[in-house]
Amino acid sequence: MAEDWRDNSRIDGIYPLHCYEEGIEAIPAEIRDYSNAEEIIRNAYLSAGGRSSIGGPPGQTPSGPPNPPLAAPAVDTSASSQVPLPVIVLGAMSILLVASGAFGYLSRRRSAADDET
């Protein structure tokens, strides 16, 4: 199971339930402290049909139904909702191009009107 997690930080296979517990116990401290390997293995365990908490204190069971693994990470909505700078620059350039086109059009009309008189 460790090789399954190491190749892409996911558990792609389905294993016997005892393998998940053994996988959590076998995680080295440096990987446990700096990765989410334990959480990923727990989620894979629950997806494979595990019913009790693994890797926690003995006798501890979850208080409710297990949470399924998320398909996508949660979106942080606390970020600013201001308009990004590239959008402002592109908008200003668009207005400038339309204004210069209008100025050229009006200049040609005025020049044509002066030539007729």
C-alpha atoms as a PDB file:
ATOM      1  CA  MET A   1       0.000   0.000   0.000  1.00  0.00           C
ATOM      2  CA  ALA A   2       2.915   2.369   0.681  1.00  0.00           C
ATOM      3  CA  GLU A   3       3.985   2.135  -2.963  1.00  0.00           C
ATOM      4  CA  ASP A   4       0.423   2.928  -4.045  1.00  0.00           C
ATOM      5  CA  TRP A   5       0.486   6.167  -2.024  1.00  0.00           C
ATOM      6  CA  ARG A   6       4.062   7.112  -2.976  1.00  0.00           C
ATOM      7  CA  ASP A   7       3.519   7.116  -6.753  1.00  0.00           C
ATOM      8  CA  ASN A   8       0.796   9.803  -6.808  1.00  0.00           C
ATOM      9  CA  SER A   9      -0.185  10.574  -3.161  1.00  0.00           C
ATOM     10  CA  ARG A  10      -3.404   8.568  -3.567  1.00  0.00           C
ATOM     11  CA  ILE A  11      -4.603   5.082  -2.757  1.00  0.00           C
ATOM     12  CA  ASP A  12      -5.806   3.765  -6.113  1.00  0.00           C
ATOM     13  CA  GLY A  13      -6.260   0.088  -5.239  1.00  0.00           C
ATOM     14  CA  ILE A  14      -8.674  -1.683  -2.923  1.00  0.00           C
ATOM     15  CA  TYR A  15      -7.023  -3.748  -0.208  1.00  0.00           C
ATOM     16  CA  PRO A  16      -8.151  -5.970   2.665  1.00  0.00           C
ATOM     17  CA  LEU A  17      -9.197  -3.794   5.620  1.00  0.00           C
ATOM     18  CA  HIS A  18      -6.309  -4.917   7.839  1.00  0.00           C
ATOM     19  CA  CYS A  19      -3.839  -3.593   5.239  1.00  0.00           C
ATOM     20  CA  TYR A  20      -5.038  -0.025   5.788  1.00  0.00           C
ATOM     21  CA  GLU A  21      -4.368  -0.253   9.525  1.00  0.00           C
ATOM     22  CA  GLU A  22      -0.960  -1.789   8.874  1.00  0.00           C
ATOM     23  CA  GLY A  23      -0.282   0.969   6.339  1.00  0.00           C
ATOM     24  CA  ILE A  24      -1.008   3.714   8.878  1.00  0.00           C
ATOM     25  CA  GLU A  25       1.169   2.024  11.495  1.00  0.00           C
ATOM     26  CA  ALA A  26       4.026   1.714   8.976  1.00  0.00           C
ATOM     27  CA  ILE A  27       4.122   5.421   8.036  1.00  0.00           C
ATOM     28  CA  PRO A  28       7.525   6.814   9.106  1.00  0.00           C
ATOM     29  CA  ALA A  29       7.412   9.811  11.463  1.00  0.00           C
ATOM     30  CA  GLU A  30       8.933  12.204   8.897  1.00  0.00           C
ATOM     31  CA  ILE A  31       6.232  11.334   6.358  1.00  0.00           C
ATOM     32  CA  ARG A  32       3.454  11.397   8.983  1.00  0.00           C
ATOM     33  CA  ASP A  33       4.516  14.884  10.132  1.00  0.00           C
ATOM     34  CA  TYR A  34       4.916  16.454   6.693  1.00  0.00           C
ATOM     35  CA  SER A  35       2.235  14.831   4.543  1.00  0.00           C
ATOM     36  CA  ASN A  36      -1.417  13.852   4.593  1.00  0.00           C
ATOM     37  CA  ALA A  37      -0.668  10.154   4.047  1.00  0.00           C
ATOM     38  CA  GLU A  38      -2.487   9.093   7.204  1.00  0.00           C
ATOM     39  CA  GLU A  39      -5.635  11.012   6.238  1.00  0.00           C
ATOM     40  CA  ILE A  40      -5.572   9.584   2.707  1.00  0.00           C
ATOM     41  CA  ILE A  41      -5.227   6.022   4.000  1.00  0.00           C
ATOM     42  CA  ARG A  42      -8.066   6.623   6.520  1.00  0.00           C
ATOM     43  CA  ASN A  43     -10.340   7.882   3.743  1.00  0.00           C
ATOM     44  CA  ALA A  44      -9.442   4.904   1.545  1.00  0.00           C
ATOM     45  CA  TYR A  45     -10.168   2.585   4.489  1.00  0.00           C
ATOM     46  CA  LEU A  46     -13.612   4.137   4.985  1.00  0.00           C
ATOM     47  CA  SER A  47     -14.301   3.961   1.231  1.00  0.00           C
ATOM     48  CA  ALA A  48     -13.365   0.265   1.249  1.00  0.00           C
ATOM     49  CA  GLY A  49     -16.013  -0.411   3.889  1.00  0.00           C
ATOM     50  CA  GLY A  50     -14.121   0.141   7.139  1.00  0.00           C
ATOM     51  CA  ARG A  51     -16.450   0.975  10.003  1.00  0.00           C
ATOM     52  CA  SER A  52     -14.270   1.926  12.951  1.00  0.00           C
ATOM     53  CA  SER A  53     -11.613   4.511  13.474  1.00  0.00           C
ATOM     54  CA  ILE A  54      -8.122   3.236  12.654  1.00  0.00           C
ATOM     55  CA  GLY A  55      -4.841   4.624  13.870  1.00  0.00           C
ATOM     56  CA  GLY A  56      -6.429   6.398  16.848  1.00  0.00           C
ATOM     57  CA  PRO A  57      -6.566   5.459  20.514  1.00  0.00           C
ATOM     58  CA  PRO A  58      -7.874   1.926  21.178  1.00  0.00           C
ATOM     59  CA  GLY A  59     -11.631   1.707  21.635  1.00  0.00           C
ATOM     60  CA  GLN A  60     -12.291   5.010  19.889  1.00  0.00           C
ATOM     61  CA  THR A  61     -15.097   4.845  17.363  1.00  0.00           C
ATOM     62  CA  PRO A  62     -16.459   7.569  15.146  1.00  0.00           C
ATOM     63  CA  SER A  63     -19.410   9.511  16.549  1.00  0.00           C
ATOM     64  CA  GLY A  64     -21.357   9.526  13.283  1.00  0.00           C
ATOM     65  CA  PRO A  65     -21.297   8.090   9.798  1.00  0.00           C
ATOM     66  CA  PRO A  66     -17.907   8.317   8.058  1.00  0.00           C
ATOM     67  CA  ASN A  67     -17.325  11.269   5.798  1.00  0.00           C
ATOM     68  CA  PRO A  68     -16.724  10.256   2.184  1.00  0.00           C
ATOM     69  CA  PRO A  69     -13.525  11.575   0.609  1.00  0.00           C
ATOM     70  CA  LEU A  70     -13.978  14.915  -1.104  1.00  0.00           C
ATOM     71  CA  ALA A  71     -13.864  15.008  -4.881  1.00  0.00           C
ATOM     72  CA  ALA A  72     -12.411  18.516  -4.879  1.00  0.00           C
ATOM     73  CA  PRO A  73     -10.809  20.673  -2.200  1.00  0.00           C
ATOM     74  CA  ALA A  74     -12.972  23.260  -0.468  1.00  0.00           C
ATOM     75  CA  VAL A  75     -12.979  26.737  -2.007  1.00  0.00           C
ATOM     76  CA  ASP A  76     -11.763  29.588   0.179  1.00  0.00           C
ATOM     77  CA  THR A  77     -14.492  32.224  -0.111  1.00  0.00           C
ATOM     78  CA  SER A  78     -12.900  34.605   2.387  1.00  0.00           C
ATOM     79  CA  ALA A  79     -10.537  35.982  -0.271  1.00  0.00           C
ATOM     80  CA  SER A  80     -11.006  39.470  -1.637  1.00  0.00           C
ATOM     81  CA  SER A  81     -13.534  39.843  -4.432  1.00  0.00           C
ATOM     82  CA  GLN A  82     -11.767  42.730  -6.145  1.00  0.00           C
ATOM     83  CA  VAL A  83     -11.284  42.783  -9.902  1.00  0.00           C
ATOM     84  CA  PRO A  84      -7.836  41.434 -10.869  1.00  0.00           C
ATOM     85  CA  LEU A  85      -5.325  43.881 -12.335  1.00  0.00           C
ATOM     86  CA  PRO A  86      -5.068  42.168 -15.775  1.00  0.00           C
ATOM     87  CA  VAL A  87      -8.819  42.565 -16.248  1.00  0.00           C
ATOM     88  CA  ILE A  88      -8.563  46.276 -15.430  1.00  0.00           C
ATOM     89  CA  VAL A  89      -5.667  46.730 -17.875  1.00  0.00           C
ATOM     90  CA  LEU A  90      -7.497  44.894 -20.674  1.00  0.00           C
ATOM     91  CA  GLY A  91     -10.648  46.930 -20.032  1.00  0.00           C
ATOM     92  CA  ALA A  92      -8.691  50.192 -20.169  1.00  0.00           C
ATOM     93  CA  MET A  93      -7.005  49.136 -23.429  1.00  0.00           C
ATOM     94  CA  SER A  94     -10.402  48.244 -24.927  1.00  0.00           C
ATOM     95  CA  ILE A  95     -11.829  51.635 -24.026  1.00  0.00           C
ATOM     96  CA  LEU A  96      -8.744  53.347 -25.455  1.00  0.00           C
ATOM     97  CA  LEU A  97      -9.054  51.447 -28.763  1.00  0.00           C
ATOM     98  CA  VAL A  98     -12.772  52.241 -29.096  1.00  0.00           C
ATOM     99  CA  ALA A  99     -12.109  55.914 -28.284  1.00  0.00           C
ATOM    100  CA  SER A 100      -9.300  56.157 -30.846  1.00  0.00           C
ATOM    101  CA  GLY A 101     -11.493  54.490 -33.484  1.00  0.00           C
ATOM    102  CA  ALA A 102     -14.316  56.938 -32.771  1.00  0.00           C
ATOM    103  CA  PHE A 103     -11.888  59.871 -32.923  1.00  0.00           C
ATOM    104  CA  GLY A 104     -10.562  58.689 -36.311  1.00  0.00           C
ATOM    105  CA  TYR A 105     -14.086  58.226 -37.660  1.00  0.00           C
ATOM    106  CA  LEU A 106     -15.168  61.703 -36.550  1.00  0.00           C
ATOM    107  CA  SER A 107     -11.965  63.254 -37.939  1.00  0.00           C
ATOM    108  CA  ARG A 108     -12.595  61.737 -41.379  1.00  0.00           C
ATOM    109  CA  ARG A 109     -16.220  62.901 -41.378  1.00  0.00           C
ATOM    110  CA  ARG A 110     -15.195  66.420 -40.413  1.00  0.00           C
ATOM    111  CA  SER A 111     -12.470  66.427 -43.072  1.00  0.00           C
ATOM    112  CA  ALA A 112     -14.949  65.175 -45.701  1.00  0.00           C
ATOM    113  CA  ALA A 113     -17.467  67.856 -44.677  1.00  0.00           C
ATOM    114  CA  ASP A 114     -14.800  70.589 -44.948  1.00  0.00           C
ATOM    115  CA  ASP A 115     -13.836  69.372 -48.444  1.00  0.00           C
ATOM    116  CA  GLU A 116     -17.443  69.642 -49.677  1.00  0.00           C
ATOM    117  CA  THR A 117     -17.740  73.277 -48.764  1.00  0.00           C
END
